[in-house]
Amino acid sequence: MKKILSVILAVMMLFGAVSVSASASKFNDNYHQNGWANDDQAVLIFDSLNGGTFMNAVYERDENGVWVTTSGKTGVYVMLPQTDEAHTAGSVIILPDVMPNSGSAFKGWHYTDAAGNSVTLGGGSTFTIPSTAFTGNQYGVINFTAVYGPAAPEEDTMATVLNVLIKVFGAIIGILFYGGNTEAGVAMMEKVLGGLDL
């Protein structure tokens, strides 16, 4: 029994080695293998992460290879070339925008270039497909990951209302009691109401 298991394990290891060498070959993705992109065309993969929603409708292929338009897409968006000239080296694309979950702000798309540099580009900005996208073991595939940061804190509504009231009533008091000097009336109201902790 041990010999049979050893033979099975050896065969599995052999197939594992073959599959590893195949994954490092020129084509390591189904998009080029399925003919959805030519050898000289890049496939761009955008991962919105954390439930962010792509703001514009996206045009993509479904599991059967049929082009479909999807609105409100979340998760991963695979941008495939729609013509034979699209997504070649030097082509310019517009990066999609993402609506983040509440409490977050979308900062842009992160990717690592061929030189190993970490780059972040904003949504809606342009991206030129580099010739280096067609070298190495990620031949023709460029991965982007959404970058989020904390959202700006919401403005204090009560403070805004209080400031408006101080200016309005201060101007009235300035006209009535300070001989038309509205600034003096506003200063008095700020002194009176400034100590309130709302």
N, C-alpha and C. Protein backbone atom coordinates (compact mmCIF):
# COMPACT_ATOMS: atom_id res chain seq x y z
N MET A 1 0.83 -1.19 0.00
CA MET A 1 0.00 0.00 0.00
C MET A 1 0.87 1.26 0.00
N LYS A 2 1.97 1.25 0.77
CA LYS A 2 2.85 2.40 0.83
C LYS A 2 3.49 2.66 -0.53
N LYS A 3 3.82 1.58 -1.26
CA LYS A 3 4.43 1.75 -2.59
C LYS A 3 3.43 2.38 -3.56
N ILE A 4 2.19 1.96 -3.48
CA ILE A 4 1.18 2.53 -4.37
C ILE A 4 0.98 4.02 -4.08
N LEU A 5 0.92 4.35 -2.78
CA LEU A 5 0.80 5.76 -2.41
C LEU A 5 2.01 6.55 -2.85
N SER A 6 3.19 5.97 -2.77
CA SER A 6 4.41 6.65 -3.21
C SER A 6 4.37 6.92 -4.70
N VAL A 7 3.89 5.94 -5.48
CA VAL A 7 3.80 6.12 -6.93
C VAL A 7 2.78 7.21 -7.26
N ILE A 8 1.62 7.17 -6.59
CA ILE A 8 0.59 8.19 -6.83
C ILE A 8 1.12 9.57 -6.48
N LEU A 9 1.82 9.67 -5.35
CA LEU A 9 2.40 10.94 -4.93
C LEU A 9 3.44 11.43 -5.94
N ALA A 10 4.27 10.52 -6.45
CA ALA A 10 5.27 10.90 -7.43
C ALA A 10 4.62 11.42 -8.72
N VAL A 11 3.55 10.74 -9.15
CA VAL A 11 2.84 11.17 -10.36
C VAL A 11 2.21 12.54 -10.14
N MET A 12 1.61 12.75 -8.96
CA MET A 12 1.01 14.05 -8.66
C MET A 12 2.07 15.15 -8.65
N MET A 13 3.22 14.85 -8.10
CA MET A 13 4.30 15.84 -8.08
C MET A 13 4.77 16.15 -9.49
N LEU A 14 4.84 15.14 -10.35
CA LEU A 14 5.25 15.35 -11.73
C LEU A 14 4.26 16.26 -12.44
N PHE A 15 2.94 16.00 -12.28
CA PHE A 15 1.95 16.87 -12.91
C PHE A 15 1.96 18.26 -12.30
N GLY A 16 2.26 18.35 -11.02
CA GLY A 16 2.37 19.66 -10.37
C GLY A 16 3.51 20.46 -10.96
N ALA A 17 4.64 19.83 -11.21
CA ALA A 17 5.79 20.51 -11.81
C ALA A 17 5.47 20.97 -13.23
N VAL A 18 4.75 20.14 -13.98
CA VAL A 18 4.36 20.50 -15.34
C VAL A 18 3.43 21.71 -15.32
N SER A 19 2.48 21.72 -14.38
CA SER A 19 1.54 22.84 -14.34
C SER A 19 2.23 24.13 -13.91
N VAL A 20 3.24 24.05 -13.03
CA VAL A 20 3.97 25.25 -12.63
C VAL A 20 4.73 25.82 -13.80
N SER A 21 5.38 24.96 -14.58
CA SER A 21 6.12 25.47 -15.73
C SER A 21 5.17 26.04 -16.77
N ALA A 22 3.98 25.49 -16.89
CA ALA A 22 3.01 26.03 -17.84
C ALA A 22 2.50 27.39 -17.38
N SER A 23 2.36 27.59 -16.06
CA SER A 23 1.85 28.86 -15.58
C SER A 23 2.86 29.97 -15.78
N ALA A 24 4.14 29.63 -15.92
CA ALA A 24 5.16 30.65 -16.14
C ALA A 24 5.37 30.90 -17.63
N SER A 25 4.59 30.27 -18.47
CA SER A 25 4.74 30.46 -19.90
C SER A 25 4.18 31.82 -20.30
N LYS A 26 4.27 32.12 -21.59
CA LYS A 26 3.87 33.41 -22.12
C LYS A 26 2.41 33.73 -21.80
N PHE A 27 1.53 32.76 -21.93
CA PHE A 27 0.10 32.99 -21.66
C PHE A 27 -0.28 32.29 -20.37
N ASN A 28 -0.65 33.06 -19.38
CA ASN A 28 -1.04 32.46 -18.10
C ASN A 28 -2.44 32.88 -17.70
N ASP A 29 -3.23 33.32 -18.66
CA ASP A 29 -4.59 33.74 -18.33
C ASP A 29 -5.55 33.21 -19.38
N ASN A 30 -6.80 33.05 -18.99
CA ASN A 30 -7.81 32.52 -19.90
C ASN A 30 -8.22 33.53 -20.97
N TYR A 31 -7.99 34.81 -20.74
CA TYR A 31 -8.44 35.83 -21.67
C TYR A 31 -7.69 35.74 -22.99
N HIS A 32 -6.37 35.56 -22.92
CA HIS A 32 -5.60 35.39 -24.15
C HIS A 32 -5.84 33.99 -24.73
N GLN A 33 -5.91 33.00 -23.87
CA GLN A 33 -6.11 31.64 -24.35
C GLN A 33 -7.45 31.47 -25.05
N ASN A 34 -8.48 32.17 -24.57
CA ASN A 34 -9.81 32.07 -25.17
C ASN A 34 -9.97 32.94 -26.42
N GLY A 35 -8.92 33.69 -26.76
CA GLY A 35 -9.00 34.55 -27.93
C GLY A 35 -9.72 35.85 -27.68
N TRP A 36 -9.95 36.22 -26.42
CA TRP A 36 -10.63 37.47 -26.10
C TRP A 36 -9.67 38.65 -26.17
N ALA A 37 -8.35 38.36 -26.22
CA ALA A 37 -7.33 39.39 -26.39
C ALA A 37 -6.21 38.78 -27.24
N ASN A 38 -5.67 39.58 -28.16
CA ASN A 38 -4.56 39.12 -28.99
C ASN A 38 -3.26 39.17 -28.21
N ASP A 39 -2.21 38.59 -28.79
CA ASP A 39 -0.90 38.55 -28.11
C ASP A 39 -0.38 39.95 -27.76
N ASP A 40 -0.70 40.94 -28.60
CA ASP A 40 -0.17 42.28 -28.38
C ASP A 40 -1.16 43.19 -27.65
N GLN A 41 -2.18 42.62 -27.01
CA GLN A 41 -3.19 43.40 -26.31
C GLN A 41 -3.19 43.08 -24.82
N ALA A 42 -3.27 44.12 -24.02
CA ALA A 42 -3.29 43.95 -22.56
C ALA A 42 -4.72 43.75 -22.06
N VAL A 43 -4.84 42.98 -21.00
CA VAL A 43 -6.09 42.81 -20.27
C VAL A 43 -5.90 43.53 -18.94
N LEU A 44 -6.82 44.41 -18.59
CA LEU A 44 -6.72 45.18 -17.35
C LEU A 44 -7.75 44.66 -16.36
N ILE A 45 -7.29 44.31 -15.17
CA ILE A 45 -8.17 43.75 -14.15
C ILE A 45 -8.25 44.73 -12.98
N PHE A 46 -9.46 45.20 -12.68
CA PHE A 46 -9.70 46.16 -11.61
C PHE A 46 -10.45 45.48 -10.48
N ASP A 47 -9.85 45.48 -9.29
CA ASP A 47 -10.50 44.89 -8.11
C ASP A 47 -10.94 46.03 -7.20
N SER A 48 -12.26 46.25 -7.10
CA SER A 48 -12.78 47.38 -6.33
C SER A 48 -12.71 47.14 -4.83
N LEU A 49 -12.62 45.88 -4.38
CA LEU A 49 -12.47 45.56 -2.96
C LEU A 49 -13.50 46.24 -2.07
N ASN A 50 -13.69 45.71 -0.92
CA ASN A 50 -14.51 46.32 0.15
C ASN A 50 -15.90 46.77 -0.30
N GLY A 51 -16.45 46.16 -1.34
CA GLY A 51 -17.81 46.48 -1.74
C GLY A 51 -17.97 47.78 -2.49
N GLY A 52 -16.88 48.38 -2.97
CA GLY A 52 -17.01 49.59 -3.77
C GLY A 52 -17.75 49.27 -5.07
N THR A 53 -18.46 50.26 -5.61
CA THR A 53 -19.26 50.07 -6.82
C THR A 53 -18.71 50.93 -7.95
N PHE A 54 -18.53 50.32 -9.11
CA PHE A 54 -18.08 51.08 -10.27
C PHE A 54 -19.17 52.07 -10.65
N MET A 55 -18.79 53.35 -10.81
CA MET A 55 -19.78 54.40 -11.01
C MET A 55 -20.41 54.36 -12.39
N ASN A 56 -19.65 54.00 -13.40
CA ASN A 56 -20.18 53.94 -14.76
C ASN A 56 -20.51 52.50 -15.12
N ALA A 57 -21.39 52.33 -16.06
CA ALA A 57 -21.67 50.98 -16.56
C ALA A 57 -20.41 50.44 -17.23
N VAL A 58 -20.15 49.17 -17.04
CA VAL A 58 -18.96 48.54 -17.63
C VAL A 58 -19.40 47.58 -18.73
N TYR A 59 -18.55 47.45 -19.72
CA TYR A 59 -18.81 46.60 -20.87
C TYR A 59 -17.85 45.43 -20.77
N GLU A 60 -18.38 44.24 -20.56
CA GLU A 60 -17.53 43.07 -20.33
C GLU A 60 -18.15 41.83 -20.93
N ARG A 61 -17.38 40.77 -20.96
CA ARG A 61 -17.88 39.49 -21.47
C ARG A 61 -18.39 38.65 -20.31
N ASP A 62 -19.51 37.94 -20.55
CA ASP A 62 -19.99 37.02 -19.53
C ASP A 62 -19.25 35.69 -19.68
N GLU A 63 -19.64 34.70 -18.88
CA GLU A 63 -18.93 33.41 -18.88
C GLU A 63 -19.00 32.69 -20.22
N ASN A 64 -19.95 33.08 -21.09
CA ASN A 64 -20.07 32.47 -22.42
C ASN A 64 -19.36 33.27 -23.50
N GLY A 65 -18.73 34.37 -23.10
CA GLY A 65 -18.01 35.19 -24.06
C GLY A 65 -18.86 36.24 -24.75
N VAL A 66 -20.10 36.42 -24.31
CA VAL A 66 -21.01 37.40 -24.92
C VAL A 66 -20.80 38.76 -24.24
N TRP A 67 -20.71 39.83 -25.05
CA TRP A 67 -20.54 41.16 -24.50
C TRP A 67 -21.83 41.61 -23.81
N VAL A 68 -21.71 42.08 -22.57
CA VAL A 68 -22.85 42.58 -21.81
C VAL A 68 -22.47 43.90 -21.13
N THR A 69 -23.47 44.74 -20.90
CA THR A 69 -23.27 45.98 -20.16
C THR A 69 -23.81 45.78 -18.76
N THR A 70 -22.98 46.09 -17.76
CA THR A 70 -23.37 45.89 -16.37
C THR A 70 -23.32 47.22 -15.63
N SER A 71 -24.42 47.58 -14.98
CA SER A 71 -24.45 48.78 -14.15
C SER A 71 -24.36 48.37 -12.68
N GLY A 72 -23.75 49.23 -11.87
CA GLY A 72 -23.65 48.95 -10.44
C GLY A 72 -22.76 47.76 -10.13
N LYS A 73 -21.74 47.54 -10.94
CA LYS A 73 -20.85 46.38 -10.74
C LYS A 73 -20.00 46.57 -9.50
N THR A 74 -19.86 45.50 -8.74
CA THR A 74 -18.96 45.46 -7.59
C THR A 74 -17.97 44.33 -7.79
N GLY A 75 -16.95 44.30 -6.98
CA GLY A 75 -15.98 43.21 -7.06
C GLY A 75 -14.93 43.45 -8.13
N VAL A 76 -14.73 42.48 -9.01
CA VAL A 76 -13.67 42.53 -10.01
C VAL A 76 -14.26 42.85 -11.38
N TYR A 77 -13.63 43.80 -12.07
CA TYR A 77 -14.00 44.15 -13.44
C TYR A 77 -12.81 43.87 -14.34
N VAL A 78 -13.03 43.03 -15.34
CA VAL A 78 -11.99 42.70 -16.31
C VAL A 78 -12.24 43.51 -17.57
N MET A 79 -11.34 44.46 -17.85
CA MET A 79 -11.48 45.31 -19.02
C MET A 79 -10.75 44.64 -20.19
N LEU A 80 -11.53 44.14 -21.14
CA LEU A 80 -10.99 43.45 -22.30
C LEU A 80 -11.00 44.40 -23.50
N PRO A 81 -10.08 44.20 -24.44
CA PRO A 81 -10.10 45.03 -25.65
C PRO A 81 -11.34 44.74 -26.49
N GLN A 82 -11.94 45.80 -27.01
CA GLN A 82 -13.15 45.63 -27.81
C GLN A 82 -12.87 45.61 -29.30
N THR A 83 -11.67 46.07 -29.70
CA THR A 83 -11.26 46.03 -31.10
C THR A 83 -9.85 45.47 -31.17
N ASP A 84 -9.39 45.16 -32.37
CA ASP A 84 -8.03 44.62 -32.54
C ASP A 84 -6.96 45.67 -32.27
N GLU A 85 -7.31 46.95 -32.32
CA GLU A 85 -6.33 48.01 -32.07
C GLU A 85 -6.27 48.43 -30.61
N ALA A 86 -7.27 48.07 -29.83
CA ALA A 86 -7.37 48.52 -28.44
C ALA A 86 -6.38 47.78 -27.55
N HIS A 87 -5.94 48.46 -26.50
CA HIS A 87 -5.10 47.90 -25.43
C HIS A 87 -3.73 47.44 -25.90
N THR A 88 -3.23 47.99 -26.99
CA THR A 88 -1.87 47.68 -27.41
C THR A 88 -0.93 48.65 -26.71
N ALA A 89 0.37 48.39 -26.77
CA ALA A 89 1.36 49.26 -26.12
C ALA A 89 1.22 50.68 -26.66
N GLY A 90 1.16 51.63 -25.75
CA GLY A 90 0.99 53.03 -26.12
C GLY A 90 -0.45 53.48 -26.15
N SER A 91 -1.41 52.55 -26.10
CA SER A 91 -2.83 52.92 -26.06
C SER A 91 -3.15 53.59 -24.74
N VAL A 92 -4.08 54.51 -24.79
CA VAL A 92 -4.48 55.25 -23.58
C VAL A 92 -5.90 54.83 -23.21
N ILE A 93 -6.09 54.51 -21.94
CA ILE A 93 -7.42 54.19 -21.44
C ILE A 93 -7.75 55.13 -20.28
N ILE A 94 -9.03 55.26 -20.00
CA ILE A 94 -9.47 56.06 -18.85
C ILE A 94 -9.80 55.09 -17.73
N LEU A 95 -9.17 55.29 -16.57
CA LEU A 95 -9.41 54.41 -15.43
C LEU A 95 -10.80 54.65 -14.86
N PRO A 96 -11.51 53.59 -14.48
CA PRO A 96 -12.87 53.77 -13.96
C PRO A 96 -12.88 54.43 -12.58
N ASP A 97 -14.02 55.03 -12.27
CA ASP A 97 -14.25 55.62 -10.94
C ASP A 97 -15.05 54.65 -10.09
N VAL A 98 -14.85 54.72 -8.79
CA VAL A 98 -15.53 53.83 -7.86
C VAL A 98 -16.24 54.65 -6.79
N MET A 99 -17.48 54.25 -6.49
CA MET A 99 -18.22 54.83 -5.37
C MET A 99 -17.96 53.93 -4.17
N PRO A 100 -17.22 54.43 -3.16
CA PRO A 100 -16.89 53.58 -2.02
C PRO A 100 -18.07 53.42 -1.06
N ASN A 101 -17.92 52.48 -0.14
CA ASN A 101 -18.90 52.37 0.94
C ASN A 101 -18.83 53.63 1.79
N SER A 102 -19.89 53.89 2.55
CA SER A 102 -19.90 55.08 3.40
C SER A 102 -18.77 55.00 4.42
N GLY A 103 -18.21 56.14 4.71
CA GLY A 103 -17.10 56.21 5.65
C GLY A 103 -15.75 56.11 4.98
N SER A 104 -15.73 55.86 3.66
CA SER A 104 -14.47 55.76 2.92
C SER A 104 -14.48 56.73 1.76
N ALA A 105 -13.28 57.06 1.29
CA ALA A 105 -13.13 57.89 0.10
C ALA A 105 -12.23 57.14 -0.87
N PHE A 106 -12.63 57.08 -2.14
CA PHE A 106 -11.84 56.41 -3.17
C PHE A 106 -10.67 57.30 -3.54
N LYS A 107 -9.45 56.78 -3.39
CA LYS A 107 -8.24 57.55 -3.66
C LYS A 107 -7.67 57.27 -5.04
N GLY A 108 -7.92 56.10 -5.60
CA GLY A 108 -7.39 55.79 -6.92
C GLY A 108 -7.08 54.31 -7.07
N TRP A 109 -6.33 54.00 -8.14
CA TRP A 109 -5.98 52.62 -8.47
C TRP A 109 -4.49 52.40 -8.27
N HIS A 110 -4.17 51.32 -7.56
CA HIS A 110 -2.77 50.97 -7.29
C HIS A 110 -2.35 49.82 -8.20
N TYR A 111 -1.15 49.93 -8.75
CA TYR A 111 -0.57 48.82 -9.49
C TYR A 111 0.94 48.88 -9.33
N THR A 112 1.60 47.79 -9.64
CA THR A 112 3.05 47.73 -9.58
C THR A 112 3.57 47.65 -11.00
N ASP A 113 4.42 48.60 -11.40
CA ASP A 113 4.91 48.59 -12.78
C ASP A 113 6.01 47.55 -12.95
N ALA A 114 6.50 47.42 -14.17
CA ALA A 114 7.48 46.37 -14.49
C ALA A 114 8.78 46.55 -13.71
N ALA A 115 9.10 47.78 -13.31
CA ALA A 115 10.32 48.04 -12.55
C ALA A 115 10.13 47.78 -11.06
N GLY A 116 8.91 47.37 -10.67
CA GLY A 116 8.63 47.09 -9.26
C GLY A 116 8.20 48.32 -8.47
N ASN A 117 7.97 49.44 -9.17
CA ASN A 117 7.54 50.66 -8.51
C ASN A 117 6.05 50.58 -8.19
N SER A 118 5.69 51.05 -7.00
CA SER A 118 4.28 51.10 -6.59
C SER A 118 3.69 52.42 -7.05
N VAL A 119 2.66 52.35 -7.86
CA VAL A 119 2.08 53.54 -8.48
C VAL A 119 0.58 53.58 -8.15
N THR A 120 0.06 54.78 -7.82
CA THR A 120 -1.38 54.96 -7.62
C THR A 120 -1.85 56.09 -8.53
N LEU A 121 -2.87 55.81 -9.32
CA LEU A 121 -3.46 56.78 -10.24
C LEU A 121 -4.92 56.98 -9.87
N GLY A 122 -5.40 58.20 -9.98
CA GLY A 122 -6.78 58.51 -9.61
C GLY A 122 -7.79 57.96 -10.61
N GLY A 123 -9.00 57.69 -10.12
CA GLY A 123 -10.08 57.29 -11.00
C GLY A 123 -10.40 58.41 -11.97
N GLY A 124 -10.69 58.07 -13.21
CA GLY A 124 -10.96 59.07 -14.22
C GLY A 124 -9.72 59.60 -14.90
N SER A 125 -8.54 59.26 -14.37
CA SER A 125 -7.30 59.69 -15.01
C SER A 125 -6.95 58.73 -16.15
N THR A 126 -5.99 59.13 -16.96
CA THR A 126 -5.61 58.29 -18.10
C THR A 126 -4.45 57.39 -17.73
N PHE A 127 -4.38 56.25 -18.40
CA PHE A 127 -3.31 55.29 -18.20
C PHE A 127 -2.84 54.83 -19.57
N THR A 128 -1.54 54.96 -19.81
CA THR A 128 -0.95 54.51 -21.07
C THR A 128 -0.40 53.11 -20.88
N ILE A 129 -0.83 52.19 -21.71
CA ILE A 129 -0.38 50.80 -21.58
C ILE A 129 1.08 50.73 -21.99
N PRO A 130 1.96 50.33 -21.05
CA PRO A 130 3.39 50.30 -21.36
C PRO A 130 3.77 49.05 -22.15
N SER A 131 4.86 49.16 -22.90
CA SER A 131 5.34 47.99 -23.65
C SER A 131 5.83 46.90 -22.69
N THR A 132 6.20 47.30 -21.47
CA THR A 132 6.68 46.33 -20.48
C THR A 132 5.56 45.41 -19.98
N ALA A 133 4.30 45.75 -20.33
CA ALA A 133 3.18 44.88 -19.93
C ALA A 133 3.22 43.56 -20.68
N PHE A 134 4.05 43.48 -21.71
CA PHE A 134 4.10 42.27 -22.53
C PHE A 134 5.39 41.49 -22.32
N THR A 135 5.97 41.62 -21.13
CA THR A 135 7.17 40.86 -20.78
C THR A 135 6.95 40.18 -19.44
N GLY A 136 7.74 39.18 -19.15
CA GLY A 136 7.65 38.50 -17.86
C GLY A 136 6.52 37.49 -17.83
N ASN A 137 6.23 37.00 -16.63
CA ASN A 137 5.24 35.93 -16.52
C ASN A 137 3.81 36.46 -16.38
N GLN A 138 3.63 37.78 -16.33
CA GLN A 138 2.27 38.35 -16.34
C GLN A 138 2.01 38.94 -17.70
N TYR A 139 2.33 38.23 -18.73
CA TYR A 139 2.27 38.74 -20.09
C TYR A 139 0.89 39.27 -20.45
N GLY A 140 0.83 40.59 -20.69
CA GLY A 140 -0.40 41.19 -21.16
C GLY A 140 -1.50 41.35 -20.13
N VAL A 141 -1.22 41.14 -18.85
CA VAL A 141 -2.23 41.30 -17.80
C VAL A 141 -1.74 42.34 -16.81
N ILE A 142 -2.56 43.39 -16.58
CA ILE A 142 -2.20 44.44 -15.62
C ILE A 142 -3.27 44.46 -14.54
N ASN A 143 -2.85 44.27 -13.30
CA ASN A 143 -3.77 44.22 -12.16
C ASN A 143 -3.78 45.55 -11.41
N PHE A 144 -4.99 46.06 -11.17
CA PHE A 144 -5.19 47.29 -10.41
C PHE A 144 -6.02 46.96 -9.16
N THR A 145 -5.67 47.58 -8.05
CA THR A 145 -6.42 47.40 -6.81
C THR A 145 -6.88 48.77 -6.31
N ALA A 146 -8.13 48.87 -5.92
CA ALA A 146 -8.68 50.14 -5.44
C ALA A 146 -8.02 50.52 -4.12
N VAL A 147 -7.75 51.82 -3.97
CA VAL A 147 -7.17 52.36 -2.74
C VAL A 147 -8.20 53.29 -2.11
N TYR A 148 -8.47 53.06 -0.84
CA TYR A 148 -9.43 53.88 -0.11
C TYR A 148 -8.74 54.57 1.07
N GLY A 149 -9.33 55.66 1.49
CA GLY A 149 -8.88 56.37 2.68
C GLY A 149 -10.10 56.80 3.46
N PRO A 150 -9.88 57.39 4.62
CA PRO A 150 -11.04 57.85 5.41
C PRO A 150 -11.75 58.99 4.70
N ALA A 151 -13.05 59.00 4.78
CA ALA A 151 -13.84 60.09 4.20
C ALA A 151 -13.69 61.34 5.05
N ALA A 152 -13.87 62.49 4.41
CA ALA A 152 -13.82 63.76 5.14
C ALA A 152 -14.96 63.79 6.16
N PRO A 153 -14.69 64.27 7.36
CA PRO A 153 -15.77 64.30 8.35
C PRO A 153 -16.90 65.22 7.89
N GLU A 154 -18.11 64.83 8.24
CA GLU A 154 -19.25 65.65 7.86
C GLU A 154 -19.23 66.96 8.63
N GLU A 155 -19.70 67.99 7.96
CA GLU A 155 -19.73 69.32 8.58
C GLU A 155 -20.76 69.35 9.71
N ASP A 156 -20.41 70.05 10.79
CA ASP A 156 -21.29 70.18 11.94
C ASP A 156 -22.45 71.12 11.59
N THR A 157 -23.62 70.56 11.39
CA THR A 157 -24.79 71.34 10.96
C THR A 157 -25.19 72.36 12.01
N MET A 158 -25.17 71.97 13.27
CA MET A 158 -25.60 72.89 14.34
C MET A 158 -24.67 74.10 14.42
N ALA A 159 -23.37 73.87 14.23
CA ALA A 159 -22.43 74.99 14.26
C ALA A 159 -22.70 75.95 13.11
N THR A 160 -23.04 75.41 11.95
CA THR A 160 -23.36 76.26 10.79
C THR A 160 -24.60 77.10 11.07
N VAL A 161 -25.64 76.46 11.62
CA VAL A 161 -26.88 77.20 11.94
C VAL A 161 -26.59 78.27 12.98
N LEU A 162 -25.81 77.93 13.99
CA LEU A 162 -25.49 78.89 15.05
C LEU A 162 -24.72 80.09 14.49
N ASN A 163 -23.78 79.85 13.57
CA ASN A 163 -23.02 80.95 12.97
C ASN A 163 -23.92 81.88 12.17
N VAL A 164 -24.88 81.30 11.45
CA VAL A 164 -25.82 82.14 10.69
C VAL A 164 -26.66 82.98 11.64
N LEU A 165 -27.17 82.37 12.72
CA LEU A 165 -27.99 83.11 13.69
C LEU A 165 -27.19 84.22 14.36
N ILE A 166 -25.94 83.95 14.69
CA ILE A 166 -25.09 84.98 15.31
C ILE A 166 -24.95 86.18 14.39
N LYS A 167 -24.74 85.92 13.10
CA LYS A 167 -24.57 87.03 12.15
C LYS A 167 -25.87 87.81 11.95
N VAL A 168 -26.98 87.10 11.84
CA VAL A 168 -28.25 87.77 11.61
C VAL A 168 -28.65 88.61 12.84
N PHE A 169 -28.69 87.97 14.02
CA PHE A 169 -29.09 88.69 15.23
C PHE A 169 -28.04 89.72 15.64
N GLY A 170 -26.78 89.42 15.36
CA GLY A 170 -25.72 90.41 15.65
C GLY A 170 -25.88 91.65 14.81
N ALA A 171 -26.23 91.47 13.53
CA ALA A 171 -26.45 92.64 12.67
C ALA A 171 -27.63 93.46 13.17
N ILE A 172 -28.71 92.79 13.60
CA ILE A 172 -29.88 93.50 14.12
C ILE A 172 -29.52 94.28 15.39
N ILE A 173 -28.81 93.63 16.30
CA ILE A 173 -28.40 94.31 17.56
C ILE A 173 -27.48 95.47 17.25
N GLY A 174 -26.57 95.29 16.28
CA GLY A 174 -25.66 96.38 15.91
C GLY A 174 -26.40 97.58 15.36
N ILE A 175 -27.44 97.32 14.58
CA ILE A 175 -28.23 98.42 14.02
C ILE A 175 -29.02 99.13 15.12
N LEU A 176 -29.63 98.37 16.04
CA LEU A 176 -30.49 98.94 17.07
C LEU A 176 -29.72 99.58 18.22
N PHE A 177 -28.64 98.94 18.68
CA PHE A 177 -28.00 99.39 19.92
C PHE A 177 -26.60 99.95 19.75
N TYR A 178 -25.97 99.77 18.58
CA TYR A 178 -24.61 100.25 18.39
C TYR A 178 -24.52 101.25 17.25
N GLY A 179 -25.58 101.95 17.00
CA GLY A 179 -25.58 103.03 16.00
C GLY A 179 -25.28 102.57 14.58
N GLY A 180 -25.77 101.37 14.22
CA GLY A 180 -25.57 100.88 12.86
C GLY A 180 -24.29 100.07 12.67
N ASN A 181 -23.51 99.90 13.74
CA ASN A 181 -22.26 99.13 13.65
C ASN A 181 -22.60 97.64 13.79
N THR A 182 -22.80 96.97 12.64
CA THR A 182 -23.19 95.55 12.68
C THR A 182 -22.07 94.66 13.19
N GLU A 183 -20.83 95.05 12.95
CA GLU A 183 -19.69 94.24 13.42
C GLU A 183 -19.66 94.18 14.95
N ALA A 184 -19.99 95.31 15.60
CA ALA A 184 -20.02 95.33 17.07
C ALA A 184 -21.14 94.44 17.59
N GLY A 185 -22.29 94.44 16.88
CA GLY A 185 -23.39 93.57 17.28
C GLY A 185 -23.04 92.10 17.13
N VAL A 186 -22.37 91.75 16.03
CA VAL A 186 -21.94 90.35 15.82
C VAL A 186 -20.93 89.94 16.88
N ALA A 187 -19.99 90.84 17.20
CA ALA A 187 -18.98 90.54 18.23
C ALA A 187 -19.65 90.30 19.58
N MET A 188 -20.69 91.09 19.90
CA MET A 188 -21.40 90.91 21.17
C MET A 188 -22.12 89.56 21.20
N MET A 189 -22.77 89.19 20.09
CA MET A 189 -23.47 87.91 20.03
C MET A 189 -22.49 86.73 20.13
N GLU A 190 -21.32 86.87 19.50
CA GLU A 190 -20.30 85.81 19.60
C GLU A 190 -19.84 85.65 21.04
N LYS A 191 -19.72 86.79 21.75
CA LYS A 191 -19.29 86.74 23.16
C LYS A 191 -20.36 86.06 24.01
N VAL A 192 -21.65 86.39 23.75
CA VAL A 192 -22.74 85.83 24.53
C VAL A 192 -22.90 84.35 24.25
N LEU A 193 -22.92 83.94 22.97
CA LEU A 193 -23.21 82.57 22.60
C LEU A 193 -21.93 81.71 22.42
N GLY A 194 -20.77 82.37 22.46
CA GLY A 194 -19.53 81.64 22.25
C GLY A 194 -19.26 80.58 23.30
N GLY A 195 -19.78 80.77 24.49
CA GLY A 195 -19.53 79.82 25.56
C GLY A 195 -20.43 78.59 25.53
N LEU A 196 -21.43 78.60 24.64
CA LEU A 196 -22.34 77.46 24.56
C LEU A 196 -21.61 76.27 23.94
N ASP A 197 -21.78 75.12 24.51
CA ASP A 197 -21.18 73.90 23.99
C ASP A 197 -22.30 73.03 23.38
N LEU A 198 -22.49 73.17 22.07
CA LEU A 198 -23.55 72.47 21.39
C LEU A 198 -23.03 71.24 20.68
